[in-house]
Amino acid sequence: MANTMDKPAIFIAVPTVASDLPATLKPLLNGIEEEAIPVQTKVIAEDDVTMRAYQAALASRLSVGIGFDDQHVVVHYKNLHAEQPLFTVTRDSADRLRRLGANAARLVKGVPFKTLD
C-alpha cells in the first residue's frame, strides 16, 4: 500500500503529531476544496511559521505548503526564497482565509488568484 504522504497534495504544516487544525482554519480548507485540490497535514517541527510553510512546500509534490500560528497563515511555494512567502494573512477573517485557500489551490492549477482584500 502506498504511503499517503506520496499522494500529490498541498501540505499544511502542523508542529507536532498531536496537533489538530484549529476550527478557525475550516474556511481555508473550504477554499482549497472548492478548487478540487487535495490537502493534508504534515508534521514539521519548525518554530517560525514562514519556515514551516516553506518546508511544507518543499515536501509537497504540488510544491505548495501552508503554515499557521496563533495570528497568521502563510502560503509558500517551493521556488520562492525561504524568507519570502507568497501570501501572509492574519486569521481574523473567515472570508479572507477561504480566498487564501482557493489561492493556494489556484497556484497548483496555474490560474489567476482571487483578491485577498
Protein backbone atom coordinates (compact mmCIF):
# COMPACT_ATOMS: atom_id res chain seq x y z
CA MET A 1 0.00 0.00 0.00
CA ALA A 2 1.29 3.47 -0.89
CA ASN A 3 2.16 5.97 1.81
CA THR A 4 -0.41 8.80 1.95
CA MET A 5 2.45 11.31 2.01
CA ASP A 6 3.27 10.17 -1.56
CA LYS A 7 -0.07 11.43 -2.88
CA PRO A 8 0.07 14.84 -4.51
CA ALA A 9 -1.43 17.33 -2.06
CA ILE A 10 -0.97 20.77 -0.59
CA PHE A 11 0.65 20.23 2.81
CA ILE A 12 -0.48 22.15 5.86
CA ALA A 13 2.36 22.09 8.38
CA VAL A 14 1.49 21.22 11.97
CA PRO A 15 4.11 21.44 14.74
CA THR A 16 3.51 18.01 16.35
CA VAL A 17 1.79 14.71 15.67
CA ALA A 18 -0.80 15.56 18.32
CA SER A 19 -1.62 18.91 16.68
CA ASP A 20 -5.07 19.35 15.20
CA LEU A 21 -6.04 22.06 12.78
CA PRO A 22 -7.91 24.78 14.64
CA ALA A 23 -11.60 25.11 13.76
CA THR A 24 -10.89 28.69 12.69
CA LEU A 25 -8.95 27.29 9.70
CA LYS A 26 -12.02 25.49 8.29
CA PRO A 27 -12.60 28.32 5.76
CA LEU A 28 -9.03 27.81 4.48
CA LEU A 29 -9.78 24.13 3.87
CA ASN A 30 -13.08 25.05 2.21
CA GLY A 31 -11.26 27.35 -0.22
CA ILE A 32 -8.85 24.59 -1.21
CA GLU A 33 -11.70 22.10 -1.55
CA GLU A 34 -13.65 24.50 -3.81
CA GLU A 35 -10.75 24.29 -6.26
CA ALA A 36 -10.66 20.46 -6.03
CA ILE A 37 -7.03 20.13 -4.91
CA PRO A 38 -6.11 17.53 -2.26
CA VAL A 39 -4.81 18.77 1.08
CA GLN A 40 -3.32 17.01 4.08
CA THR A 41 -1.38 17.82 7.22
CA LYS A 42 2.32 17.12 7.68
CA VAL A 43 4.32 17.39 10.89
CA ILE A 44 7.10 19.95 10.52
CA ALA A 45 8.91 20.92 13.71
CA GLU A 46 9.95 24.49 12.89
CA ASP A 47 9.36 27.37 15.29
CA ASP A 48 8.92 30.01 12.58
CA VAL A 49 5.61 29.89 10.70
CA THR A 50 7.19 31.03 7.42
CA MET A 51 9.85 28.32 7.60
CA ARG A 52 7.17 25.74 8.46
CA ALA A 53 5.23 26.76 5.34
CA TYR A 54 8.40 26.67 3.22
CA GLN A 55 9.36 23.20 4.47
CA ALA A 56 5.80 22.03 3.73
CA ALA A 57 6.13 23.40 0.18
CA LEU A 58 9.43 21.57 -0.30
CA ALA A 59 7.85 18.32 0.93
CA SER A 60 4.70 18.63 -1.20
CA ARG A 61 4.66 17.04 -4.64
CA LEU A 62 2.47 20.01 -5.63
CA SER A 63 5.15 22.45 -4.36
CA VAL A 64 2.71 24.39 -2.16
CA GLY A 65 2.83 24.49 1.63
CA ILE A 66 0.85 26.29 4.31
CA GLY A 67 1.88 27.16 7.84
CA PHE A 68 -0.04 28.82 10.63
CA ASP A 69 0.41 30.18 14.12
CA ASP A 70 -1.95 31.90 16.54
CA GLN A 71 -2.20 35.03 14.40
CA HIS A 72 -1.14 34.29 10.80
CA VAL A 73 -1.49 31.85 7.94
CA VAL A 74 1.34 31.66 5.39
CA VAL A 75 1.23 30.16 1.89
CA HIS A 76 4.60 29.29 0.41
CA TYR A 77 5.82 27.95 -2.93
CA LYS A 78 8.98 25.87 -3.20
CA ASN A 79 10.53 28.05 -5.94
CA LEU A 80 10.45 31.18 -3.77
CA HIS A 81 13.14 32.23 -1.29
CA ALA A 82 12.53 30.69 2.12
CA GLU A 83 12.04 34.10 3.76
CA GLN A 84 9.64 35.40 1.07
CA PRO A 85 6.29 33.56 1.16
CA LEU A 86 3.66 34.14 -1.48
CA PHE A 87 0.94 35.17 0.99
CA THR A 88 0.80 36.01 4.69
CA VAL A 89 -2.59 36.92 6.16
CA THR A 90 -3.99 37.34 9.64
CA ARG A 91 -6.53 34.84 10.92
CA ASP A 92 -9.18 37.48 11.61
CA SER A 93 -11.43 36.95 8.57
CA ALA A 94 -13.11 33.70 7.55
CA ASP A 95 -13.73 35.06 4.05
CA ARG A 96 -10.07 36.04 3.61
CA LEU A 97 -8.99 32.57 4.79
CA ARG A 98 -11.34 30.94 2.26
CA ARG A 99 -9.87 33.05 -0.55
CA LEU A 100 -6.36 32.27 0.70
CA GLY A 101 -7.12 28.54 0.49
CA ALA A 102 -8.53 28.99 -3.01
CA ASN A 103 -5.37 30.90 -4.00
CA ALA A 104 -3.13 28.12 -2.69
CA ALA A 105 -5.06 25.67 -4.86
CA ARG A 106 -5.05 28.05 -7.81
CA LEU A 107 -1.26 28.23 -7.56
CA VAL A 108 -1.22 24.48 -8.17
CA LYS A 109 -3.65 24.82 -11.09
CA GLY A 110 -1.83 27.78 -12.64
CA VAL A 111 -4.88 30.04 -12.78
CA PRO A 112 -5.22 33.68 -11.61
CA PHE A 113 -5.56 34.40 -7.90
CA LYS A 114 -8.56 35.84 -6.10
CA THR A 115 -8.02 39.17 -4.34
CA LEU A 116 -7.47 38.85 -0.61
CA ASP A 117 -8.65 42.31 0.39
